[in-house]
């Protein structure tokens, strides 16, 4: 029998500390976030780069969070923290 690997979803969850909400970004956008932090490491006033994301909303039927794909929002990278 073959080994079944657990593959992650296509989106990663981050916390937007400026707006106090959880957001989902596409996996490909994570490279832009990593490059941003490399460029701005140690700077007191980091640049204001923006990335597209989706807001997580509460689904009352399943009593869980789900990604709202209807509205894409722009968030500043400097306020993002990886949600574990």
C-alpha atoms as a PDB file:
ATOM      1  CA  UNK A   1       0.000   0.000   0.000  1.00  0.00           C
ATOM      2  CA  UNK A   2       1.319   3.430  -0.903  1.00  0.00           C
ATOM      3  CA  UNK A   3       1.962   6.227   1.536  1.00  0.00           C
ATOM      4  CA  UNK A   4      -0.590   9.003   1.461  1.00  0.00           C
ATOM      5  CA  UNK A   5       0.987  12.388   2.051  1.00  0.00           C
ATOM      6  CA  UNK A   6      -0.908  15.196   3.682  1.00  0.00           C
ATOM      7  CA  UNK A   7      -0.878  18.125   1.307  1.00  0.00           C
ATOM      8  CA  UNK A   8      -1.715  21.601   2.486  1.00  0.00           C
ATOM      9  CA  UNK A   9      -4.481  23.663   1.041  1.00  0.00           C
ATOM     10  CA  UNK A  10      -4.018  26.285  -1.598  1.00  0.00           C
ATOM     11  CA  UNK A  11      -4.337  29.098   0.950  1.00  0.00           C
ATOM     12  CA  UNK A  12      -2.412  30.050   4.075  1.00  0.00           C
ATOM     13  CA  UNK A  13      -3.986  31.727   7.104  1.00  0.00           C
ATOM     14  CA  UNK A  14      -2.544  34.984   8.448  1.00  0.00           C
ATOM     15  CA  UNK A  15      -3.648  37.424  11.120  1.00  0.00           C
ATOM     16  CA  UNK A  16      -3.994  41.070  10.113  1.00  0.00           C
ATOM     17  CA  UNK A  17      -2.967  42.810  13.342  1.00  0.00           C
ATOM     18  CA  UNK A  18      -3.989  46.240  12.052  1.00  0.00           C
ATOM     19  CA  UNK A  19      -7.627  45.257  11.450  1.00  0.00           C
ATOM     20  CA  UNK A  20      -7.793  42.414  13.982  1.00  0.00           C
ATOM     21  CA  UNK A  21      -9.031  39.734  11.593  1.00  0.00           C
ATOM     22  CA  UNK A  22      -7.954  36.478   9.988  1.00  0.00           C
ATOM     23  CA  UNK A  23      -7.253  36.370   6.277  1.00  0.00           C
ATOM     24  CA  UNK A  24      -6.321  33.741   3.708  1.00  0.00           C
ATOM     25  CA  UNK A  25      -3.661  34.306   1.080  1.00  0.00           C
ATOM     26  CA  UNK A  26      -2.748  32.114  -1.854  1.00  0.00           C
ATOM     27  CA  UNK A  27       0.347  29.968  -1.367  1.00  0.00           C
ATOM     28  CA  UNK A  28       2.126  31.669  -4.263  1.00  0.00           C
ATOM     29  CA  UNK A  29       1.827  35.031  -2.485  1.00  0.00           C
ATOM     30  CA  UNK A  30       3.901  33.762   0.430  1.00  0.00           C
ATOM     31  CA  UNK A  31       7.065  34.371  -1.605  1.00  0.00           C
ATOM     32  CA  UNK A  32       6.182  38.067  -1.822  1.00  0.00           C
ATOM     33  CA  UNK A  33       5.760  38.197   1.961  1.00  0.00           C
ATOM     34  CA  UNK A  34       9.118  36.482   2.579  1.00  0.00           C
ATOM     35  CA  UNK A  35      10.889  38.829   0.143  1.00  0.00           C
ATOM     36  CA  UNK A  36       9.269  41.833   1.823  1.00  0.00           C
ATOM     37  CA  UNK A  37      10.610  40.814   5.246  1.00  0.00           C
ATOM     38  CA  UNK A  38      14.087  40.152   3.827  1.00  0.00           C
ATOM     39  CA  UNK A  39      14.206  43.642   2.287  1.00  0.00           C
ATOM     40  CA  UNK A  40      12.849  45.390   5.387  1.00  0.00           C
ATOM     41  CA  UNK A  41      14.642  43.410   8.109  1.00  0.00           C
ATOM     42  CA  UNK A  42      15.823  45.751  10.851  1.00  0.00           C
ATOM     43  CA  UNK A  43      14.220  48.867   9.351  1.00  0.00           C
ATOM     44  CA  UNK A  44      12.170  51.040  11.674  1.00  0.00           C
ATOM     45  CA  UNK A  45       9.852  52.325   8.943  1.00  0.00           C
ATOM     46  CA  UNK A  46       9.190  49.438   6.538  1.00  0.00           C
ATOM     47  CA  UNK A  47       7.671  50.199   3.156  1.00  0.00           C
ATOM     48  CA  UNK A  48       3.910  49.894   2.672  1.00  0.00           C
ATOM     49  CA  UNK A  49       3.484  46.986   0.286  1.00  0.00           C
ATOM     50  CA  UNK A  50       0.025  45.565  -0.266  1.00  0.00           C
ATOM     51  CA  UNK A  51      -1.051  42.017  -1.066  1.00  0.00           C
ATOM     52  CA  UNK A  52      -4.437  40.598  -2.079  1.00  0.00           C
ATOM     53  CA  UNK A  53      -6.210  38.331   0.395  1.00  0.00           C
ATOM     54  CA  UNK A  54      -9.586  36.903   1.345  1.00  0.00           C
ATOM     55  CA  UNK A  55     -11.338  37.523   4.643  1.00  0.00           C
ATOM     56  CA  UNK A  56     -12.334  34.564   6.824  1.00  0.00           C
ATOM     57  CA  UNK A  57     -15.954  34.643   7.964  1.00  0.00           C
ATOM     58  CA  UNK A  58     -17.936  32.547  10.447  1.00  0.00           C
ATOM     59  CA  UNK A  59     -20.133  29.853   8.914  1.00  0.00           C
ATOM     60  CA  UNK A  60     -23.035  29.388  11.339  1.00  0.00           C
ATOM     61  CA  UNK A  61     -24.282  26.220   9.652  1.00  0.00           C
ATOM     62  CA  UNK A  62     -21.016  24.344  10.260  1.00  0.00           C
ATOM     63  CA  UNK A  63     -19.908  26.494  13.217  1.00  0.00           C
ATOM     64  CA  UNK A  64     -16.483  27.115  11.682  1.00  0.00           C
ATOM     65  CA  UNK A  65     -14.519  29.647   9.686  1.00  0.00           C
ATOM     66  CA  UNK A  66     -14.568  29.717   5.910  1.00  0.00           C
ATOM     67  CA  UNK A  67     -12.897  31.814   3.247  1.00  0.00           C
ATOM     68  CA  UNK A  68     -15.089  34.491   1.679  1.00  0.00           C
ATOM     69  CA  UNK A  69     -14.108  34.231  -1.993  1.00  0.00           C
ATOM     70  CA  UNK A  70     -16.659  36.861  -3.035  1.00  0.00           C
ATOM     71  CA  UNK A  71     -14.593  39.855  -1.950  1.00  0.00           C
ATOM     72  CA  UNK A  72     -10.862  40.221  -2.380  1.00  0.00           C
ATOM     73  CA  UNK A  73      -9.269  42.700   0.016  1.00  0.00           C
ATOM     74  CA  UNK A  74      -5.897  44.447   0.050  1.00  0.00           C
ATOM     75  CA  UNK A  75      -3.825  44.185   3.230  1.00  0.00           C
ATOM     76  CA  UNK A  76      -0.477  45.684   4.167  1.00  0.00           C
ATOM     77  CA  UNK A  77       2.248  43.063   4.526  1.00  0.00           C
ATOM     78  CA  UNK A  78       3.856  44.778   7.508  1.00  0.00           C
ATOM     79  CA  UNK A  79       0.811  43.935   9.681  1.00  0.00           C
ATOM     80  CA  UNK A  80       0.618  40.236   8.783  1.00  0.00           C
ATOM     81  CA  UNK A  81       1.509  37.477  11.218  1.00  0.00           C
ATOM     82  CA  UNK A  82       1.351  33.782  10.383  1.00  0.00           C
ATOM     83  CA  UNK A  83      -1.558  32.106  12.199  1.00  0.00           C
ATOM     84  CA  UNK A  84      -0.626  28.688  13.586  1.00  0.00           C
END
